[in-house]
PDB file of N, CA and C in Angstrom:
ATOM      1  N   MET A   1      27.000 258.460 182.507  1.00  0.00           N
ATOM      2  CA  MET A   1      26.992 259.529 181.541  1.00  0.00           C
ATOM      3  C   MET A   1      25.666 260.262 181.560  1.00  0.00           C
ATOM      4  N   GLY A   2      25.331 260.920 182.631  1.00  0.00           N
ATOM      5  CA  GLY A   2      24.100 261.664 182.696  1.00  0.00           C
ATOM      6  C   GLY A   2      24.279 263.100 182.233  1.00  0.00           C
ATOM      7  N   ASP A   3      25.242 263.365 181.408  1.00  0.00           N
ATOM      8  CA  ASP A   3      25.631 264.711 181.014  1.00  0.00           C
ATOM      9  C   ASP A   3      25.178 265.000 179.578  1.00  0.00           C
ATOM     10  N   PHE A   4      24.357 266.039 179.408  1.00  0.00           N
ATOM     11  CA  PHE A   4      23.835 266.406 178.088  1.00  0.00           C
ATOM     12  C   PHE A   4      24.947 266.597 177.061  1.00  0.00           C
ATOM     13  N   ASN A   5      25.940 267.403 177.395  1.00  0.00           N
ATOM     14  CA  ASN A   5      27.015 267.702 176.432  1.00  0.00           C
ATOM     15  C   ASN A   5      27.795 266.454 176.035  1.00  0.00           C
ATOM     16  N   LYS A   6      27.987 265.572 176.981  1.00  0.00           N
ATOM     17  CA  LYS A   6      28.707 264.322 176.690  1.00  0.00           C
ATOM     18  C   LYS A   6      27.910 263.487 175.680  1.00  0.00           C
ATOM     19  N   HIS A   7      26.606 263.355 175.886  1.00  0.00           N
ATOM     20  CA  HIS A   7      25.773 262.578 174.963  1.00  0.00           C
ATOM     21  C   HIS A   7      25.699 263.248 173.594  1.00  0.00           C
ATOM     22  N   LEU A   8      25.628 264.575 173.587  1.00  0.00           N
ATOM     23  CA  LEU A   8      25.592 265.287 172.315  1.00  0.00           C
ATOM     24  C   LEU A   8      26.898 265.095 171.543  1.00  0.00           C
ATOM     25  N   LYS A   9      28.019 265.153 172.254  1.00  0.00           N
ATOM     26  CA  LYS A   9      29.321 264.921 171.621  1.00  0.00           C
ATOM     27  C   LYS A   9      29.391 263.511 171.036  1.00  0.00           C
ATOM     28  N   LEU A  10      28.913 262.529 171.793  1.00  0.00           N
ATOM     29  CA  LEU A  10      28.910 261.147 171.296  1.00  0.00           C
ATOM     30  C   LEU A  10      28.008 261.001 170.070  1.00  0.00           C
ATOM     31  N   ALA A  11      26.855 261.656 170.084  1.00  0.00           N
ATOM     32  CA  ALA A  11      25.942 261.589 168.938  1.00  0.00           C
ATOM     33  C   ALA A  11      26.608 262.182 167.699  1.00  0.00           C
ATOM     34  N   LYS A  12      27.276 263.315 167.839  1.00  0.00           N
ATOM     35  CA  LYS A  12      27.961 263.941 166.705  1.00  0.00           C
ATOM     36  C   LYS A  12      29.083 263.058 166.174  1.00  0.00           C
ATOM     37  N   GLU A  13      29.834 262.449 167.074  1.00  0.00           N
ATOM     38  CA  GLU A  13      30.916 261.550 166.686  1.00  0.00           C
ATOM     39  C   GLU A  13      30.376 260.355 165.904  1.00  0.00           C
ATOM     40  N   LYS A  14      29.291 259.768 166.398  1.00  0.00           N
ATOM     41  CA  LYS A  14      28.693 258.613 165.728  1.00  0.00           C
ATOM     42  C   LYS A  14      28.056 259.016 164.401  1.00  0.00           C
ATOM     43  N   LEU A  15      27.482 260.216 164.335  1.00  0.00           N
ATOM     44  CA  LEU A  15      26.902 260.694 163.076  1.00  0.00           C
ATOM     45  C   LEU A  15      27.989 260.881 162.018  1.00  0.00           C
ATOM     46  N   LYS A  16      29.117 261.433 162.423  1.00  0.00           N
ATOM     47  CA  LYS A  16      30.235 261.610 161.500  1.00  0.00           C
ATOM     48  C   LYS A  16      30.712 260.248 160.975  1.00  0.00           C
ATOM     49  N   ALA A  17      30.813 259.273 161.854  1.00  0.00           N
ATOM     50  CA  ALA A  17      31.213 257.923 161.443  1.00  0.00           C
ATOM     51  C   ALA A  17      30.156 257.292 160.540  1.00  0.00           C
ATOM     52  N   THR A  18      28.883 257.593 160.802  1.00  0.00           N
ATOM     53  CA  THR A  18      27.794 257.080 159.970  1.00  0.00           C
ATOM     54  C   THR A  18      27.920 257.619 158.550  1.00  0.00           C
ATOM     55  N   LEU A  19      28.194 258.908 158.416  1.00  0.00           N
ATOM     56  CA  LEU A  19      28.348 259.514 157.092  1.00  0.00           C
ATOM     57  C   LEU A  19      29.534 258.918 156.340  1.00  0.00           C
ATOM     58  N   THR A  20      30.620 258.685 157.038  1.00  0.00           N
ATOM     59  CA  THR A  20      31.793 258.058 156.413  1.00  0.00           C
ATOM     60  C   THR A  20      31.453 256.649 155.941  1.00  0.00           C
ATOM     61  N   ALA A  21      30.770 255.893 156.777  1.00  0.00           N
ATOM     62  CA  ALA A  21      30.372 254.533 156.401  1.00  0.00           C
ATOM     63  C   ALA A  21      29.439 254.558 155.193  1.00  0.00           C
ATOM     64  N   TYR A  22      28.534 255.531 155.153  1.00  0.00           N
ATOM     65  CA  TYR A  22      27.619 255.663 154.015  1.00  0.00           C
ATOM     66  C   TYR A  22      28.396 255.927 152.724  1.00  0.00           C
ATOM     67  N   GLN A  23      29.355 256.827 152.800  1.00  0.00           N
ATOM     68  CA  GLN A  23      30.175 257.147 151.625  1.00  0.00           C
ATOM     69  C   GLN A  23      30.967 255.931 151.158  1.00  0.00           C
ATOM     70  N   ASN A  24      31.319 255.060 152.092  1.00  0.00           N
ATOM     71  CA  ASN A  24      32.075 253.845 151.766  1.00  0.00           C
ATOM     72  C   ASN A  24      31.164 252.659 151.450  1.00  0.00           C
ATOM     73  N   LYS A  25      29.855 252.927 151.355  1.00  0.00           N
ATOM     74  CA  LYS A  25      28.853 251.908 151.027  1.00  0.00           C
ATOM     75  C   LYS A  25      28.843 250.743 152.027  1.00  0.00           C
ATOM     76  N   GLN A  26      29.077 251.055 153.285  1.00  0.00           N
ATOM     77  CA  GLN A  26      29.061 250.064 154.366  1.00  0.00           C
ATOM     78  C   GLN A  26      27.676 250.095 155.013  1.00  0.00           C
ATOM     79  N   THR A  27      26.715 249.485 154.336  1.00  0.00           N
ATOM     80  CA  THR A  27      25.314 249.641 154.727  1.00  0.00           C
ATOM     81  C   THR A  27      24.988 249.091 156.112  1.00  0.00           C
ATOM     82  N   THR A  28      25.543 247.978 156.489  1.00  0.00           N
ATOM     83  CA  THR A  28      25.218 247.452 157.824  1.00  0.00           C
ATOM     84  C   THR A  28      25.810 248.340 158.917  1.00  0.00           C
ATOM     85  N   VAL A  29      26.962 248.917 158.657  1.00  0.00           N
ATOM     86  CA  VAL A  29      27.575 249.837 159.618  1.00  0.00           C
ATOM     87  C   VAL A  29      26.720 251.096 159.738  1.00  0.00           C
ATOM     88  N   VAL A  30      26.201 251.578 158.609  1.00  0.00           N
ATOM     89  CA  VAL A  30      25.331 252.754 158.623  1.00  0.00           C
ATOM     90  C   VAL A  30      24.113 252.490 159.508  1.00  0.00           C
ATOM     91  N   GLY A  31      23.492 251.327 159.340  1.00  0.00           N
ATOM     92  CA  GLY A  31      22.331 250.981 160.150  1.00  0.00           C
ATOM     93  C   GLY A  31      22.651 250.920 161.626  1.00  0.00           C
ATOM     94  N   ASP A  32      23.734 250.241 161.967  1.00  0.00           N
ATOM     95  CA  ASP A  32      24.125 250.108 163.376  1.00  0.00           C
ATOM     96  C   ASP A  32      24.424 251.468 164.005  1.00  0.00           C
ATOM     97  N   LEU A  33      25.210 252.271 163.305  1.00  0.00           N
ATOM     98  CA  LEU A  33      25.588 253.568 163.865  1.00  0.00           C
ATOM     99  C   LEU A  33      24.416 254.541 163.881  1.00  0.00           C
ATOM    100  N   GLY A  34      23.536 254.452 162.892  1.00  0.00           N
ATOM    101  CA  GLY A  34      22.358 255.318 162.877  1.00  0.00           C
ATOM    102  C   GLY A  34      21.507 255.118 164.124  1.00  0.00           C
ATOM    103  N   ILE A  35      21.339 253.875 164.513  1.00  0.00           N
ATOM    104  CA  ILE A  35      20.593 253.558 165.738  1.00  0.00           C
ATOM    105  C   ILE A  35      21.297 254.162 166.952  1.00  0.00           C
ATOM    106  N   LYS A  36      22.610 254.048 166.986  1.00  0.00           N
ATOM    107  CA  LYS A  36      23.381 254.586 168.113  1.00  0.00           C
ATOM    108  C   LYS A  36      23.259 256.107 168.198  1.00  0.00           C
ATOM    109  N   VAL A  37      23.199 256.774 167.038  1.00  0.00           N
ATOM    110  CA  VAL A  37      23.031 258.235 167.029  1.00  0.00           C
ATOM    111  C   VAL A  37      21.716 258.598 167.707  1.00  0.00           C
ATOM    112  N   VAL A  38      20.641 257.927 167.308  1.00  0.00           N
ATOM    113  CA  VAL A  38      19.325 258.210 167.886  1.00  0.00           C
ATOM    114  C   VAL A  38      19.334 257.922 169.387  1.00  0.00           C
ATOM    115  N   GLU A  39      19.933 256.818 169.789  1.00  0.00           N
ATOM    116  CA  GLU A  39      20.001 256.487 171.214  1.00  0.00           C
ATOM    117  C   GLU A  39      20.707 257.593 172.001  1.00  0.00           C
ATOM    118  N   GLN A  40      21.805 258.100 171.470  1.00  0.00           N
ATOM    119  CA  GLN A  40      22.539 259.154 172.177  1.00  0.00           C
ATOM    120  C   GLN A  40      21.729 260.444 172.258  1.00  0.00           C
ATOM    121  N   LEU A  41      20.958 260.737 171.221  1.00  0.00           N
ATOM    122  CA  LEU A  41      20.128 261.941 171.255  1.00  0.00           C
ATOM    123  C   LEU A  41      19.010 261.812 172.286  1.00  0.00           C
ATOM    124  N   VAL A  42      18.429 260.640 172.400  1.00  0.00           N
ATOM    125  CA  VAL A  42      17.410 260.407 173.432  1.00  0.00           C
ATOM    126  C   VAL A  42      18.051 260.525 174.812  1.00  0.00           C
ATOM    127  N   GLU A  43      19.235 259.950 174.964  1.00  0.00           N
ATOM    128  CA  GLU A  43      19.937 260.036 176.255  1.00  0.00           C
ATOM    129  C   GLU A  43      20.307 261.482 176.586  1.00  0.00           C
ATOM    130  N   ALA A  44      20.665 262.271 175.574  1.00  0.00           N
ATOM    131  CA  ALA A  44      20.988 263.680 175.805  1.00  0.00           C
ATOM    132  C   ALA A  44      19.758 264.419 176.319  1.00  0.00           C
ATOM    133  N   ASP A  45      18.612 264.165 175.696  1.00  0.00           N
ATOM    134  CA  ASP A  45      17.383 264.803 176.156  1.00  0.00           C
ATOM    135  C   ASP A  45      17.064 264.385 177.583  1.00  0.00           C
ATOM    136  N   ALA A  46      17.224 263.116 177.878  1.00  0.00           N
ATOM    137  CA  ALA A  46      16.967 262.627 179.234  1.00  0.00           C
ATOM    138  C   ALA A  46      17.895 263.306 180.240  1.00  0.00           C
ATOM    139  N   ALA A  47      19.142 263.477 179.859  1.00  0.00           N
ATOM    140  CA  ALA A  47      20.104 264.124 180.751  1.00  0.00           C
ATOM    141  C   ALA A  47      19.688 265.559 181.066  1.00  0.00           C
ATOM    142  N   GLU A  48      19.071 266.227 180.108  1.00  0.00           N
ATOM    143  CA  GLU A  48      18.563 267.579 180.338  1.00  0.00           C
ATOM    144  C   GLU A  48      17.494 267.588 181.428  1.00  0.00           C
ATOM    145  N   HIS A  49      16.826 266.452 181.601  1.00  0.00           N
ATOM    146  CA  HIS A  49      15.760 266.327 182.593  1.00  0.00           C
ATOM    147  C   HIS A  49      16.204 265.495 183.806  1.00  0.00           C
ATOM    148  N   GLU A  50      17.534 265.432 183.995  1.00  0.00           N
ATOM    149  CA  GLU A  50      18.101 264.741 185.161  1.00  0.00           C
ATOM    150  C   GLU A  50      17.747 263.257 185.210  1.00  0.00           C
ATOM    151  N   GLU A  51      17.564 262.643 184.042  1.00  0.00           N
ATOM    152  CA  GLU A  51      17.278 261.210 183.978  1.00  0.00           C
ATOM    153  C   GLU A  51      18.424 260.505 183.277  1.00  0.00           C
ATOM    154  N   HIS A  52      18.593 259.236 183.615  1.00  0.00           N
ATOM    155  CA  HIS A  52      19.612 258.417 182.963  1.00  0.00           C
ATOM    156  C   HIS A  52      19.124 256.980 182.931  1.00  0.00           C
ATOM    157  N   PHE A  53      19.437 256.310 181.845  1.00  0.00           N
ATOM    158  CA  PHE A  53      19.116 254.899 181.710  1.00  0.00           C
ATOM    159  C   PHE A  53      20.116 254.282 180.759  1.00  0.00           C
ATOM    160  N   GLY A  54      20.292 252.997 180.846  1.00  0.00           N
ATOM    161  CA  GLY A  54      21.271 252.352 179.995  1.00  0.00           C
ATOM    162  C   GLY A  54      20.712 251.191 179.199  1.00  0.00           C
ATOM    163  N   ASP A  55      19.435 250.915 179.385  1.00  0.00           N
ATOM    164  CA  ASP A  55      18.902 249.765 178.650  1.00  0.00           C
ATOM    165  C   ASP A  55      17.889 250.222 177.596  1.00  0.00           C
ATOM    166  N   HIS A  56      17.704 249.370 176.640  1.00  0.00           N
ATOM    167  CA  HIS A  56      16.858 249.647 175.488  1.00  0.00           C
ATOM    168  C   HIS A  56      15.415 249.939 175.909  1.00  0.00           C
ATOM    169  N   LYS A  57      14.877 249.158 176.804  1.00  0.00           N
ATOM    170  CA  LYS A  57      13.484 249.308 177.233  1.00  0.00           C
ATOM    171  C   LYS A  57      13.255 250.674 177.885  1.00  0.00           C
ATOM    172  N   SER A  58      14.142 251.082 178.769  1.00  0.00           N
ATOM    173  CA  SER A  58      13.999 252.374 179.448  1.00  0.00           C
ATOM    174  C   SER A  58      14.063 253.537 178.460  1.00  0.00           C
ATOM    175  N   ARG A  59      14.920 253.394 177.474  1.00  0.00           N
ATOM    176  CA  ARG A  59      15.056 254.426 176.447  1.00  0.00           C
ATOM    177  C   ARG A  59      13.741 254.585 175.683  1.00  0.00           C
ATOM    178  N   HIS A  60      13.122 253.456 175.322  1.00  0.00           N
ATOM    179  CA  HIS A  60      11.845 253.499 174.598  1.00  0.00           C
ATOM    180  C   HIS A  60      10.732 254.063 175.477  1.00  0.00           C
ATOM    181  N   GLU A  61      10.714 253.688 176.744  1.00  0.00           N
ATOM    182  CA  GLU A  61       9.696 254.210 177.659  1.00  0.00           C
ATOM    183  C   GLU A  61       9.825 255.729 177.793  1.00  0.00           C
ATOM    184  N   TYR A  62      11.052 256.206 177.905  1.00  0.00           N
ATOM    185  CA  TYR A  62      11.287 257.650 177.985  1.00  0.00           C
ATOM    186  C   TYR A  62      10.825 258.330 176.702  1.00  0.00           C
ATOM    187  N   SER A  63      11.183 257.755 175.582  1.00  0.00           N
ATOM    188  CA  SER A  63      10.792 258.310 174.292  1.00  0.00           C
ATOM    189  C   SER A  63       9.275 258.367 174.160  1.00  0.00           C
ATOM    190  N   ASN A  64       8.598 257.302 174.577  1.00  0.00           N
ATOM    191  CA  ASN A  64       7.135 257.270 174.500  1.00  0.00           C
ATOM    192  C   ASN A  64       6.499 258.381 175.333  1.00  0.00           C
ATOM    193  N   ARG A  65       7.113 258.720 176.451  1.00  0.00           N
ATOM    194  CA  ARG A  65       6.573 259.764 177.327  1.00  0.00           C
ATOM    195  C   ARG A  65       6.884 261.170 176.840  1.00  0.00           C
ATOM    196  N   ASN A  66       7.976 261.323 176.080  1.00  0.00           N
ATOM    197  CA  ASN A  66       8.481 262.673 175.816  1.00  0.00           C
ATOM    198  C   ASN A  66       8.534 263.120 174.361  1.00  0.00           C
ATOM    199  N   PHE A  67       8.300 262.229 173.426  1.00  0.00           N
ATOM    200  CA  PHE A  67       8.393 262.598 172.019  1.00  0.00           C
ATOM    201  C   PHE A  67       7.088 262.303 171.293  1.00  0.00           C
ATOM    202  N   PRO A  68       6.847 262.968 170.169  1.00  0.00           N
ATOM    203  CA  PRO A  68       5.620 262.722 169.397  1.00  0.00           C
ATOM    204  C   PRO A  68       5.509 261.267 168.942  1.00  0.00           C
ATOM    205  N   SER A  69       4.291 260.829 168.736  1.00  0.00           N
ATOM    206  CA  SER A  69       4.044 259.426 168.368  1.00  0.00           C
ATOM    207  C   SER A  69       4.766 259.023 167.084  1.00  0.00           C
ATOM    208  N   GLU A  70       4.953 259.962 166.151  1.00  0.00           N
ATOM    209  CA  GLU A  70       5.652 259.640 164.897  1.00  0.00           C
ATOM    210  C   GLU A  70       7.105 259.222 165.160  1.00  0.00           C
ATOM    211  N   VAL A  71       7.728 259.887 166.116  1.00  0.00           N
ATOM    212  CA  VAL A  71       9.107 259.547 166.473  1.00  0.00           C
ATOM    213  C   VAL A  71       9.148 258.149 167.071  1.00  0.00           C
ATOM    214  N   ASN A  72       8.226 257.862 167.962  1.00  0.00           N
ATOM    215  CA  ASN A  72       8.216 256.559 168.623  1.00  0.00           C
ATOM    216  C   ASN A  72       7.899 255.436 167.651  1.00  0.00           C
ATOM    217  N   LYS A  73       7.036 255.697 166.694  1.00  0.00           N
ATOM    218  CA  LYS A  73       6.722 254.709 165.680  1.00  0.00           C
ATOM    219  C   LYS A  73       7.982 254.372 164.871  1.00  0.00           C
ATOM    220  N   ALA A  74       8.743 255.394 164.509  1.00  0.00           N
ATOM    221  CA  ALA A  74       9.988 255.172 163.772  1.00  0.00           C
ATOM    222  C   ALA A  74      11.008 254.432 164.624  1.00  0.00           C
ATOM    223  N   MET A  75      11.084 254.776 165.911  1.00  0.00           N
ATOM    224  CA  MET A  75      12.048 254.119 166.801  1.00  0.00           C
ATOM    225  C   MET A  75      11.741 252.630 166.956  1.00  0.00           C
ATOM    226  N   ARG A  76      10.450 252.266 166.983  1.00  0.00           N
ATOM    227  CA  ARG A  76      10.095 250.862 167.119  1.00  0.00           C
ATOM    228  C   ARG A  76      10.544 250.046 165.908  1.00  0.00           C
ATOM    229  N   LYS A  77      10.679 250.715 164.771  1.00  0.00           N
ATOM    230  CA  LYS A  77      11.121 250.006 163.546  1.00  0.00           C
ATOM    231  C   LYS A  77      12.592 249.641 163.622  1.00  0.00           C
ATOM    232  N   VAL A  78      13.350 250.400 164.412  1.00  0.00           N
ATOM    233  CA  VAL A  78      14.780 250.105 164.533  1.00  0.00           C
ATOM    234  C   VAL A  78      15.021 249.368 165.822  1.00  0.00           C
TER     235      VAL A  78
END
């Protein structure tokens, strides 16, 4: 899935499910899906730069190279 639009579509789908879970007070589901939304957005950005990765470590390394330190600090918390 090295395709920007595909990752963006997945992020939107997961965000919609996250909002539904939040409305249903499913807090652990909200946390799990929230992380997945962020992962898909990072993957979408990577796809724009012809990069692809599937593991957690590679995603963080990419984020550290390409996003502001505040974003990476927040990502390390999740």
